[in-house]
Each structure stands twice: as C-alpha cells, then as structure tokens.
Amino acid sequence: MTITVTDHEIRLTGRCGVDEAEALLAALSESPQNRVVLAAERIHTALWQVLVALRPSVLGEAPDRFSAEYILPLIARKDEPVVKT
C-alpha cells in the first residue's frame, strides 16, 4: 500500500494509483487534522482530486512540475504556505 497513516500524518509513497483514492479519502475523513506528506514518485489524478476537495495541510513536493505549479496551490490554505521538506 502506498498510503501510510500514523498518529499525525498520512504519507504518500511510491506509485499512488487510482485504487488508493478511497483509502486517502477515508484516512482524511477519519483524521482531518493529519497532514499529508508527499513522498510519492507518482500520484494519480484521483488522489489529487481528494486533496483539492479536502485541502489538508500538505508537506513535501509534488512528483512532477505540473502538479507543483498548478495543483499544489489549489490545496494550500490561504493562511498556510506550501512547505517543502
């Protein structure tokens, strides 16, 4: 599984496919205060849609330039800059 949930974070690693979107939604719904750590080499559009809809706190970098330039700014909260680790 490419989604790991701990007490304070939800970590995306490896190649996150469409089949992981429901798990991400469930994890964020159960613990909306958890931050999401982007450490994946690929993130399917379905997961980005979950992140844009729920706008959790996000750490790390997008795995590609398009996501970094166009999707991450949609997720970032107005009072919180996008933080790179």
Foldseek 3Di string as FASTA:
>chain_A
DQWDDDPAAIEGAEAADPVCLVVLLVRCVVPVRHEYEYHYLHHDPSNLVSLLVSLGHYEAAHNDDCCRVPRVVSSHDPVGDHYHD
